[in-house]
PDB file of N, CA and C in Angstrom:
ATOM      1  N   MET A   1      11.024  11.216  22.323  1.00  0.00           N
ATOM      2  CA  MET A   1      11.072  10.668  21.187  1.00  0.00           C
ATOM      3  C   MET A   1      10.302  11.224  20.786  1.00  0.00           C
ATOM      4  N   LYS A   2      10.061  12.190  19.436  1.00  0.00           N
ATOM      5  CA  LYS A   2       9.502  12.978  18.992  1.00  0.00           C
ATOM      6  C   LYS A   2       8.157  11.717  18.373  1.00  0.00           C
ATOM      7  N   GLN A   3       6.820  11.973  18.378  1.00  0.00           N
ATOM      8  CA  GLN A   3       5.353  11.368  18.834  1.00  0.00           C
ATOM      9  C   GLN A   3       5.169  12.228  17.091  1.00  0.00           C
ATOM     10  N   TYR A   4       4.484  11.319  16.443  1.00  0.00           N
ATOM     11  CA  TYR A   4       4.143  11.605  15.182  1.00  0.00           C
ATOM     12  C   TYR A   4       2.219  11.398  15.492  1.00  0.00           C
ATOM     13  N   THR A   5       1.333  12.358  14.471  1.00  0.00           N
ATOM     14  CA  THR A   5       0.504  12.160  14.476  1.00  0.00           C
ATOM     15  C   THR A   5      -0.357  11.346  13.544  1.00  0.00           C
ATOM     16  N   THR A   6       0.320  11.150  12.299  1.00  0.00           N
ATOM     17  CA  THR A   6       0.308  10.675  11.216  1.00  0.00           C
ATOM     18  C   THR A   6       1.611   9.756  10.449  1.00  0.00           C
ATOM     19  N   PHE A   7       1.034   8.492   9.429  1.00  0.00           N
ATOM     20  CA  PHE A   7       2.813   7.681   9.365  1.00  0.00           C
ATOM     21  C   PHE A   7       2.850   8.699   7.756  1.00  0.00           C
ATOM     22  N   TYR A   8       2.309   9.205   7.629  1.00  0.00           N
ATOM     23  CA  TYR A   8       2.997  10.567   6.778  1.00  0.00           C
ATOM     24  C   TYR A   8       3.464  11.721   7.258  1.00  0.00           C
ATOM     25  N   GLU A   9       3.538  12.187   8.691  1.00  0.00           N
ATOM     26  CA  GLU A   9       4.331  12.711   8.589  1.00  0.00           C
ATOM     27  C   GLU A   9       5.981  12.429   9.071  1.00  0.00           C
ATOM     28  N   LEU A  10       5.754  10.647   9.571  1.00  0.00           N
ATOM     29  CA  LEU A  10       6.619  10.552   9.868  1.00  0.00           C
ATOM     30  C   LEU A  10       7.721   9.852   8.934  1.00  0.00           C
ATOM     31  N   LEU A  11       6.978  10.079   7.948  1.00  0.00           N
ATOM     32  CA  LEU A  11       7.626  10.102   6.631  1.00  0.00           C
ATOM     33  C   LEU A  11       8.993  11.539   5.890  1.00  0.00           C
ATOM     34  N   GLU A  12       7.712  12.363   6.660  1.00  0.00           N
ATOM     35  CA  GLU A  12       8.904  13.808   5.999  1.00  0.00           C
ATOM     36  C   GLU A  12       9.673  14.185   6.854  1.00  0.00           C
ATOM     37  N   GLN A  13       9.350  14.089   7.842  1.00  0.00           N
ATOM     38  CA  GLN A  13      10.998  13.765   9.201  1.00  0.00           C
ATOM     39  C   GLN A  13      11.782  13.214   8.351  1.00  0.00           C
ATOM     40  N   GLN A  14      11.386  11.770   7.830  1.00  0.00           N
ATOM     41  CA  GLN A  14      12.422  11.015   7.849  1.00  0.00           C
ATOM     42  C   GLN A  14      14.208  11.416   7.391  1.00  0.00           C
ATOM     43  N   SER A  15      15.183  11.080   7.673  1.00  0.00           N
ATOM     44  CA  SER A  15      15.912  10.835   6.098  1.00  0.00           C
ATOM     45  C   SER A  15      15.905  10.183   5.042  1.00  0.00           C
ATOM     46  N   SER A  16      16.055  11.512   4.314  1.00  0.00           N
ATOM     47  CA  SER A  16      15.675  11.181   2.767  1.00  0.00           C
ATOM     48  C   SER A  16      16.868   9.620   2.245  1.00  0.00           C
ATOM     49  N   THR A  17      17.353   9.767   2.931  1.00  0.00           N
ATOM     50  CA  THR A  17      18.370   8.790   2.014  1.00  0.00           C
ATOM     51  C   THR A  17      18.307   7.142   2.748  1.00  0.00           C
ATOM     52  N   LYS A  18      17.904   7.255   4.605  1.00  0.00           N
ATOM     53  CA  LYS A  18      17.074   6.074   5.093  1.00  0.00           C
ATOM     54  C   LYS A  18      16.937   5.041   4.040  1.00  0.00           C
ATOM     55  N   ASP A  19      17.337   4.026   4.376  1.00  0.00           N
ATOM     56  CA  ASP A  19      16.829   2.858   3.108  1.00  0.00           C
ATOM     57  C   ASP A  19      15.147   2.615   3.968  1.00  0.00           C
ATOM     58  N   MET A  20      14.134   2.697   3.640  1.00  0.00           N
ATOM     59  CA  MET A  20      12.906   1.955   4.837  1.00  0.00           C
ATOM     60  C   MET A  20      12.153   0.563   4.213  1.00  0.00           C
ATOM     61  N   PHE A  21      12.762   0.105   2.821  1.00  0.00           N
ATOM     62  CA  PHE A  21      12.201  -1.475   3.136  1.00  0.00           C
ATOM     63  C   PHE A  21      13.190  -1.503   2.407  1.00  0.00           C
ATOM     64  N   LEU A  22      13.942  -2.623   2.307  1.00  0.00           N
ATOM     65  CA  LEU A  22      15.019  -4.307   0.966  1.00  0.00           C
ATOM     66  C   LEU A  22      13.783  -4.971   1.521  1.00  0.00           C
ATOM     67  N   TYR A  23      14.120  -5.896  -0.258  1.00  0.00           N
ATOM     68  CA  TYR A  23      13.446  -6.454  -0.741  1.00  0.00           C
ATOM     69  C   TYR A  23      13.868  -7.094  -2.138  1.00  0.00           C
ATOM     70  N   GLU A  24      13.805  -8.732  -2.769  1.00  0.00           N
ATOM     71  CA  GLU A  24      14.859  -9.038  -3.333  1.00  0.00           C
ATOM     72  C   GLU A  24      13.267  -9.138  -4.453  1.00  0.00           C
ATOM     73  N   GLU A  25      13.743  -9.042  -5.120  1.00  0.00           N
ATOM     74  CA  GLU A  25      12.827  -9.071  -7.125  1.00  0.00           C
ATOM     75  C   GLU A  25      13.358  -9.198  -8.219  1.00  0.00           C
ATOM     76  N   GLU A  26      13.147 -10.608  -8.983  1.00  0.00           N
ATOM     77  CA  GLU A  26      14.190 -11.453  -9.832  1.00  0.00           C
ATOM     78  C   GLU A  26      15.824 -11.697  -9.032  1.00  0.00           C
ATOM     79  N   GLY A  27      15.805 -12.035  -8.077  1.00  0.00           N
ATOM     80  CA  GLY A  27      17.604 -11.742  -7.955  1.00  0.00           C
ATOM     81  C   GLY A  27      18.029 -10.366  -7.332  1.00  0.00           C
ATOM     82  N   ASP A  28      17.409  -9.227  -7.619  1.00  0.00           N
ATOM     83  CA  ASP A  28      17.706  -8.280  -7.595  1.00  0.00           C
ATOM     84  C   ASP A  28      17.608  -7.712  -6.252  1.00  0.00           C
ATOM     85  N   LEU A  29      18.080  -7.204  -4.893  1.00  0.00           N
ATOM     86  CA  LEU A  29      17.927  -5.964  -4.202  1.00  0.00           C
ATOM     87  C   LEU A  29      17.947  -5.049  -4.301  1.00  0.00           C
ATOM     88  N   CYS A  30      16.169  -5.166  -3.829  1.00  0.00           N
ATOM     89  CA  CYS A  30      15.970  -3.033  -4.552  1.00  0.00           C
ATOM     90  C   CYS A  30      16.465  -2.944  -3.179  1.00  0.00           C
ATOM     91  N   HIS A  31      15.805  -1.352  -2.874  1.00  0.00           N
ATOM     92  CA  HIS A  31      16.054  -0.201  -1.615  1.00  0.00           C
ATOM     93  C   HIS A  31      15.325   0.471  -2.012  1.00  0.00           C
ATOM     94  N   ILE A  32      14.669   0.958  -0.753  1.00  0.00           N
ATOM     95  CA  ILE A  32      13.549   1.875  -1.446  1.00  0.00           C
ATOM     96  C   ILE A  32      13.907   2.574   0.045  1.00  0.00           C
ATOM     97  N   THR A  33      13.335   4.562  -0.187  1.00  0.00           N
ATOM     98  CA  THR A  33      15.194   4.884   0.988  1.00  0.00           C
ATOM     99  C   THR A  33      13.077   5.978   1.512  1.00  0.00           C
ATOM    100  N   TYR A  34      12.803   6.467   2.438  1.00  0.00           N
ATOM    101  CA  TYR A  34      11.897   7.250   2.581  1.00  0.00           C
ATOM    102  C   TYR A  34      11.977   8.007   2.288  1.00  0.00           C
ATOM    103  N   GLU A  35      12.423   8.168   1.367  1.00  0.00           N
ATOM    104  CA  GLU A  35      11.883   9.718   0.450  1.00  0.00           C
ATOM    105  C   GLU A  35      11.360   9.155  -0.981  1.00  0.00           C
ATOM    106  N   ASP A  36      11.454   7.545  -1.816  1.00  0.00           N
ATOM    107  CA  ASP A  36      11.378   7.056  -2.109  1.00  0.00           C
ATOM    108  C   ASP A  36       9.897   6.557  -2.005  1.00  0.00           C
ATOM    109  N   PHE A  37       9.636   6.648  -1.119  1.00  0.00           N
ATOM    110  CA  PHE A  37       7.837   5.879  -0.798  1.00  0.00           C
ATOM    111  C   PHE A  37       7.046   7.098  -0.499  1.00  0.00           C
ATOM    112  N   ARG A  38       8.145   7.829   0.496  1.00  0.00           N
ATOM    113  CA  ARG A  38       6.940   9.361   0.048  1.00  0.00           C
ATOM    114  C   ARG A  38       6.644   9.550  -1.714  1.00  0.00           C
ATOM    115  N   LYS A  39       7.908   9.454  -1.937  1.00  0.00           N
ATOM    116  CA  LYS A  39       6.933  10.536  -3.667  1.00  0.00           C
ATOM    117  C   LYS A  39       6.001   9.544  -3.727  1.00  0.00           C
ATOM    118  N   ASN A  40       6.442   8.035  -3.806  1.00  0.00           N
ATOM    119  CA  ASN A  40       5.480   6.765  -4.238  1.00  0.00           C
ATOM    120  C   ASN A  40       4.259   6.578  -4.428  1.00  0.00           C
ATOM    121  N   ILE A  41       3.473   7.770  -2.871  1.00  0.00           N
ATOM    122  CA  ILE A  41       3.201   7.895  -2.396  1.00  0.00           C
ATOM    123  C   ILE A  41       2.253   9.024  -2.596  1.00  0.00           C
ATOM    124  N   LEU A  42       2.898  10.401  -3.262  1.00  0.00           N
ATOM    125  CA  LEU A  42       2.635  11.351  -3.471  1.00  0.00           C
ATOM    126  C   LEU A  42       1.795  10.680  -5.117  1.00  0.00           C
ATOM    127  N   SER A  43       2.666   9.822  -6.063  1.00  0.00           N
ATOM    128  CA  SER A  43       2.398   9.802  -7.014  1.00  0.00           C
ATOM    129  C   SER A  43       1.026   8.541  -7.673  1.00  0.00           C
ATOM    130  N   PHE A  44       0.778   8.107  -6.091  1.00  0.00           N
ATOM    131  CA  PHE A  44       0.317   7.307  -6.524  1.00  0.00           C
ATOM    132  C   PHE A  44      -1.472   7.590  -7.543  1.00  0.00           C
ATOM    133  N   PRO A  45      -1.583   6.829  -8.227  1.00  0.00           N
ATOM    134  CA  PRO A  45      -3.264   8.137  -9.129  1.00  0.00           C
ATOM    135  C   PRO A  45      -4.468   8.330  -7.852  1.00  0.00           C
ATOM    136  N   LYS A  46      -4.806   9.569  -8.048  1.00  0.00           N
ATOM    137  CA  LYS A  46      -6.622   9.383  -7.135  1.00  0.00           C
ATOM    138  C   LYS A  46      -6.760   8.900  -7.511  1.00  0.00           C
ATOM    139  N   ILE A  47      -8.010   8.250  -6.680  1.00  0.00           N
ATOM    140  CA  ILE A  47      -9.190   6.805  -5.834  1.00  0.00           C
ATOM    141  C   ILE A  47     -10.061   8.148  -5.979  1.00  0.00           C
ATOM    142  N   GLU A  48     -10.252   7.991  -7.200  1.00  0.00           N
ATOM    143  CA  GLU A  48     -12.148   9.043  -6.681  1.00  0.00           C
ATOM    144  C   GLU A  48     -13.321   8.148  -5.738  1.00  0.00           C
ATOM    145  N   LYS A  49     -13.143   6.361  -5.625  1.00  0.00           N
ATOM    146  CA  LYS A  49     -13.620   6.546  -4.415  1.00  0.00           C
ATOM    147  C   LYS A  49     -13.462   6.401  -3.568  1.00  0.00           C
ATOM    148  N   GLN A  50     -14.338   6.020  -2.553  1.00  0.00           N
ATOM    149  CA  GLN A  50     -14.314   5.463  -1.276  1.00  0.00           C
ATOM    150  C   GLN A  50     -13.408   4.443  -0.290  1.00  0.00           C
ATOM    151  N   ARG A  51     -14.273   3.490  -1.065  1.00  0.00           N
ATOM    152  CA  ARG A  51     -13.986   2.286  -0.663  1.00  0.00           C
ATOM    153  C   ARG A  51     -13.129   1.527  -1.222  1.00  0.00           C
ATOM    154  N   VAL A  52     -11.904   0.424  -0.890  1.00  0.00           N
ATOM    155  CA  VAL A  52     -10.773  -0.361  -1.637  1.00  0.00           C
ATOM    156  C   VAL A  52     -10.644  -1.835  -1.582  1.00  0.00           C
ATOM    157  N   GLY A  53     -11.349  -1.554  -2.067  1.00  0.00           N
ATOM    158  CA  GLY A  53     -10.420  -3.962  -1.563  1.00  0.00           C
ATOM    159  C   GLY A  53      -9.494  -3.933  -2.206  1.00  0.00           C
ATOM    160  N   ILE A  54      -8.308  -4.387  -1.694  1.00  0.00           N
ATOM    161  CA  ILE A  54      -6.804  -5.104  -2.719  1.00  0.00           C
ATOM    162  C   ILE A  54      -6.660  -6.599  -1.756  1.00  0.00           C
ATOM    163  N   LEU A  55      -6.396  -7.230  -2.943  1.00  0.00           N
ATOM    164  CA  LEU A  55      -6.048  -8.445  -2.881  1.00  0.00           C
ATOM    165  C   LEU A  55      -5.090  -8.422  -3.117  1.00  0.00           C
ATOM    166  N   THR A  56      -3.789  -8.726  -2.967  1.00  0.00           N
ATOM    167  CA  THR A  56      -2.354  -9.058  -3.623  1.00  0.00           C
ATOM    168  C   THR A  56      -1.047 -10.549  -2.817  1.00  0.00           C
ATOM    169  N   GLU A  57      -0.071 -10.448  -2.822  1.00  0.00           N
ATOM    170  CA  GLU A  57       0.568 -11.236  -2.212  1.00  0.00           C
ATOM    171  C   GLU A  57       1.591 -10.164  -1.688  1.00  0.00           C
ATOM    172  N   ASN A  58       2.227 -10.467  -0.442  1.00  0.00           N
ATOM    173  CA  ASN A  58       2.774  -9.265   0.683  1.00  0.00           C
ATOM    174  C   ASN A  58       4.004  -8.900  -0.785  1.00  0.00           C
ATOM    175  N   SER A  59       3.729  -7.403  -0.795  1.00  0.00           N
ATOM    176  CA  SER A  59       4.753  -6.733  -2.398  1.00  0.00           C
ATOM    177  C   SER A  59       5.203  -5.424  -1.599  1.00  0.00           C
ATOM    178  N   TYR A  60       6.053  -4.938  -2.426  1.00  0.00           N
ATOM    179  CA  TYR A  60       6.201  -3.591  -1.803  1.00  0.00           C
ATOM    180  C   TYR A  60       5.387  -2.957  -2.728  1.00  0.00           C
ATOM    181  N   GLU A  61       4.433  -3.588  -4.164  1.00  0.00           N
ATOM    182  CA  GLU A  61       2.478  -2.638  -4.244  1.00  0.00           C
ATOM    183  C   GLU A  61       2.219  -2.559  -3.233  1.00  0.00           C
ATOM    184  N   CYS A  62       2.403  -3.837  -2.869  1.00  0.00           N
ATOM    185  CA  CYS A  62       1.070  -4.054  -1.531  1.00  0.00           C
ATOM    186  C   CYS A  62       1.156  -3.335  -0.605  1.00  0.00           C
ATOM    187  N   ILE A  63       2.474  -2.948  -0.495  1.00  0.00           N
ATOM    188  CA  ILE A  63       2.461  -2.173   0.674  1.00  0.00           C
ATOM    189  C   ILE A  63       2.579  -0.704   0.731  1.00  0.00           C
ATOM    190  N   LEU A  64       3.007   0.106  -1.148  1.00  0.00           N
ATOM    191  CA  LEU A  64       2.262   0.989  -1.290  1.00  0.00           C
ATOM    192  C   LEU A  64       1.233   1.295  -1.647  1.00  0.00           C
ATOM    193  N   SER A  65       0.033   1.015  -1.117  1.00  0.00           N
ATOM    194  CA  SER A  65      -1.048   0.942  -2.817  1.00  0.00           C
ATOM    195  C   SER A  65      -1.428   0.973  -1.146  1.00  0.00           C
ATOM    196  N   ILE A  66      -1.612   0.877   0.384  1.00  0.00           N
ATOM    197  CA  ILE A  66      -2.403  -0.373   1.731  1.00  0.00           C
ATOM    198  C   ILE A  66      -2.267   1.758   2.017  1.00  0.00           C
ATOM    199  N   PHE A  67      -0.760   2.347   1.628  1.00  0.00           N
ATOM    200  CA  PHE A  67      -0.742   3.954   2.853  1.00  0.00           C
ATOM    201  C   PHE A  67      -1.131   4.893   1.711  1.00  0.00           C
ATOM    202  N   ALA A  68      -1.180   4.451   0.387  1.00  0.00           N
ATOM    203  CA  ALA A  68      -1.215   5.917  -0.414  1.00  0.00           C
ATOM    204  C   ALA A  68      -2.927   6.153  -0.461  1.00  0.00           C
ATOM    205  N   CYS A  69      -3.427   5.090  -0.299  1.00  0.00           N
ATOM    206  CA  CYS A  69      -5.060   4.395   0.450  1.00  0.00           C
ATOM    207  C   CYS A  69      -5.301   5.156   1.328  1.00  0.00           C
ATOM    208  N   ALA A  70      -4.503   4.671   2.835  1.00  0.00           N
ATOM    209  CA  ALA A  70      -4.639   5.604   3.637  1.00  0.00           C
ATOM    210  C   ALA A  70      -4.475   6.785   3.515  1.00  0.00           C
ATOM    211  N   TYR A  71      -3.164   7.548   2.584  1.00  0.00           N
ATOM    212  CA  TYR A  71      -2.773   8.830   2.415  1.00  0.00           C
ATOM    213  C   TYR A  71      -4.296   9.429   2.691  1.00  0.00           C
ATOM    214  N   GLN A  72      -5.015   9.217   1.168  1.00  0.00           N
ATOM    215  CA  GLN A  72      -6.510   9.762   0.105  1.00  0.00           C
ATOM    216  C   GLN A  72      -7.323   9.539   1.044  1.00  0.00           C
ATOM    217  N   LYS A  73      -6.808   9.013   2.388  1.00  0.00           N
ATOM    218  CA  LYS A  73      -8.416   8.786   2.994  1.00  0.00           C
ATOM    219  C   LYS A  73      -9.194   8.050   3.018  1.00  0.00           C
ATOM    220  N   LYS A  74      -9.475   6.927   2.673  1.00  0.00           N
ATOM    221  CA  LYS A  74     -10.150   5.798   2.007  1.00  0.00           C
ATOM    222  C   LYS A  74     -10.326   5.010   2.812  1.00  0.00           C
ATOM    223  N   ASP A  75     -11.114   4.331   2.884  1.00  0.00           N
ATOM    224  CA  ASP A  75     -11.952   2.698   3.347  1.00  0.00           C
ATOM    225  C   ASP A  75     -10.929   1.708   2.818  1.00  0.00           C
ATOM    226  N   ILE A  76     -10.043   0.925   4.008  1.00  0.00           N
ATOM    227  CA  ILE A  76      -9.671  -0.547   3.115  1.00  0.00           C
ATOM    228  C   ILE A  76     -10.175  -1.375   3.378  1.00  0.00           C
ATOM    229  N   ILE A  77     -10.399  -3.022   2.595  1.00  0.00           N
ATOM    230  CA  ILE A  77     -10.419  -3.558   3.362  1.00  0.00           C
ATOM    231  C   ILE A  77      -9.324  -4.849   2.362  1.00  0.00           C
ATOM    232  N   LEU A  78      -8.831  -5.167   3.044  1.00  0.00           N
ATOM    233  CA  LEU A  78      -7.372  -6.213   2.349  1.00  0.00           C
ATOM    234  C   LEU A  78      -8.233  -8.022   2.541  1.00  0.00           C
ATOM    235  N   LEU A  79      -8.559  -8.197   0.993  1.00  0.00           N
ATOM    236  CA  LEU A  79      -8.994  -9.445   0.934  1.00  0.00           C
ATOM    237  C   LEU A  79      -8.472 -10.511   1.270  1.00  0.00           C
ATOM    238  N   ASN A  80      -8.718 -11.664   1.640  1.00  0.00           N
ATOM    239  CA  ASN A  80      -7.314 -12.970   2.090  1.00  0.00           C
ATOM    240  C   ASN A  80      -7.509 -13.447   0.848  1.00  0.00           C
ATOM    241  N   PRO A  81      -6.433 -13.924   0.436  1.00  0.00           N
ATOM    242  CA  PRO A  81      -6.384 -14.501  -0.582  1.00  0.00           C
ATOM    243  C   PRO A  81      -6.683 -16.440  -0.707  1.00  0.00           C
ATOM    244  N   ARG A  82      -6.618 -16.755   0.715  1.00  0.00           N
ATOM    245  CA  ARG A  82      -7.323 -18.097   0.936  1.00  0.00           C
ATOM    246  C   ARG A  82      -7.805 -18.379   1.572  1.00  0.00           C
ATOM    247  N   ASP A  83      -9.153 -17.256   0.902  1.00  0.00           N
ATOM    248  CA  ASP A  83     -10.452 -16.547   1.345  1.00  0.00           C
ATOM    249  C   ASP A  83     -10.920 -17.635  -0.467  1.00  0.00           C
ATOM    250  N   ASP A  84     -12.511 -18.055   0.605  1.00  0.00           N
ATOM    251  CA  ASP A  84     -12.880 -18.431  -1.213  1.00  0.00           C
ATOM    252  C   ASP A  84     -13.875 -17.586  -1.890  1.00  0.00           C
ATOM    253  N   ASP A  85     -13.673 -17.968  -3.493  1.00  0.00           N
ATOM    254  CA  ASP A  85     -14.030 -16.986  -4.023  1.00  0.00           C
ATOM    255  C   ASP A  85     -15.943 -15.949  -3.471  1.00  0.00           C
ATOM    256  N   GLU A  86     -16.747 -17.074  -3.372  1.00  0.00           N
ATOM    257  CA  GLU A  86     -17.697 -16.481  -2.765  1.00  0.00           C
ATOM    258  C   GLU A  86     -17.602 -15.629  -1.702  1.00  0.00           C
ATOM    259  N   THR A  87     -16.939 -15.333  -0.849  1.00  0.00           N
ATOM    260  CA  THR A  87     -16.250 -15.040   0.812  1.00  0.00           C
ATOM    261  C   THR A  87     -16.031 -13.888   0.150  1.00  0.00           C
ATOM    262  N   ARG A  88     -14.852 -13.734  -0.957  1.00  0.00           N
ATOM    263  CA  ARG A  88     -13.868 -12.083  -1.390  1.00  0.00           C
ATOM    264  C   ARG A  88     -15.196 -11.357  -2.069  1.00  0.00           C
ATOM    265  N   LEU A  89     -15.852 -12.215  -2.780  1.00  0.00           N
ATOM    266  CA  LEU A  89     -16.757 -11.475  -3.864  1.00  0.00           C
ATOM    267  C   LEU A  89     -17.321 -10.641  -2.747  1.00  0.00           C
ATOM    268  N   PHE A  90     -18.064 -11.513  -1.933  1.00  0.00           N
ATOM    269  CA  PHE A  90     -19.015 -10.355  -0.387  1.00  0.00           C
ATOM    270  C   PHE A  90     -18.516  -9.275  -0.355  1.00  0.00           C
ATOM    271  N   GLU A  91     -16.706  -9.276  -0.360  1.00  0.00           N
ATOM    272  CA  GLU A  91     -15.850  -8.764   1.127  1.00  0.00           C
ATOM    273  C   GLU A  91     -15.164  -7.765  -0.238  1.00  0.00           C
ATOM    274  N   SER A  92     -15.525  -8.531  -1.972  1.00  0.00           N
ATOM    275  CA  SER A  92     -14.886  -7.020  -2.583  1.00  0.00           C
ATOM    276  C   SER A  92     -16.110  -6.341  -2.836  1.00  0.00           C
ATOM    277  N   SER A  93     -17.194  -6.746  -2.445  1.00  0.00           N
ATOM    278  CA  SER A  93     -18.192  -5.233  -2.941  1.00  0.00           C
ATOM    279  C   SER A  93     -17.996  -4.337  -2.607  1.00  0.00           C
ATOM    280  N   ARG A  94     -17.105  -3.373  -2.486  1.00  0.00           N
ATOM    281  CA  ARG A  94     -16.668  -1.942  -2.741  1.00  0.00           C
ATOM    282  C   ARG A  94     -16.507  -0.977  -3.619  1.00  0.00           C
ATOM    283  N   ASP A  95     -16.177  -0.240  -3.481  1.00  0.00           N
ATOM    284  CA  ASP A  95     -16.785   0.418  -4.170  1.00  0.00           C
ATOM    285  C   ASP A  95     -14.500   0.302  -5.607  1.00  0.00           C
ATOM    286  N   ILE A  96     -14.148   0.131  -5.519  1.00  0.00           N
ATOM    287  CA  ILE A  96     -13.184  -0.556  -6.118  1.00  0.00           C
ATOM    288  C   ILE A  96     -12.366  -1.455  -6.128  1.00  0.00           C
ATOM    289  N   PHE A  97     -12.131  -2.827  -6.025  1.00  0.00           N
ATOM    290  CA  PHE A  97     -11.082  -3.409  -5.699  1.00  0.00           C
ATOM    291  C   PHE A  97      -9.617  -3.101  -6.820  1.00  0.00           C
ATOM    292  N   MET A  98      -8.836  -3.995  -5.904  1.00  0.00           N
ATOM    293  CA  MET A  98      -6.883  -3.712  -6.634  1.00  0.00           C
ATOM    294  C   MET A  98      -6.428  -5.359  -6.683  1.00  0.00           C
ATOM    295  N   SER A  99      -6.002  -5.859  -7.302  1.00  0.00           N
ATOM    296  CA  SER A  99      -5.586  -7.503  -7.428  1.00  0.00           C
ATOM    297  C   SER A  99      -4.468  -7.502  -8.446  1.00  0.00           C
ATOM    298  N   ARG A 100      -3.541  -8.793  -7.467  1.00  0.00           N
ATOM    299  CA  ARG A 100      -2.454  -8.813  -8.555  1.00  0.00           C
ATOM    300  C   ARG A 100      -3.293  -9.609  -9.519  1.00  0.00           C
ATOM    301  N   SER A 101      -2.170 -10.000 -10.710  1.00  0.00           N
ATOM    302  CA  SER A 101      -3.298 -10.362 -11.788  1.00  0.00           C
ATOM    303  C   SER A 101      -2.966 -12.629 -11.386  1.00  0.00           C
ATOM    304  N   ARG A 102      -2.072 -12.985 -10.109  1.00  0.00           N
ATOM    305  CA  ARG A 102      -1.733 -14.453  -9.603  1.00  0.00           C
ATOM    306  C   ARG A 102      -3.056 -14.442  -8.861  1.00  0.00           C
ATOM    307  N   PHE A 103      -3.762 -13.939  -8.735  1.00  0.00           N
ATOM    308  CA  PHE A 103      -4.894 -14.276  -7.857  1.00  0.00           C
ATOM    309  C   PHE A 103      -6.462 -14.254  -9.098  1.00  0.00           C
TER     310      PHE A 103
END
């Protein structure tokens, strides 16, 4: 079994047409291949700051944001939407804060 040193290295070695994620969105089944995910990571906007707080529901965008930030070697703080506002404010006192409008 091949061992990888980074998640991105694993993405590069996988079949470009093989599904990595399947999820439902507005009643439609969405397929994201390893190649799609790799391209989405590479096209993610460059983040200048070092620390990123992420607050979002479980979604493809959440996963993409996490891995894109990791690929850019950022410090990632996953914020819990169930925490009270004061706790989230303290935890999110980082350089950048990403959120879906739902929270």
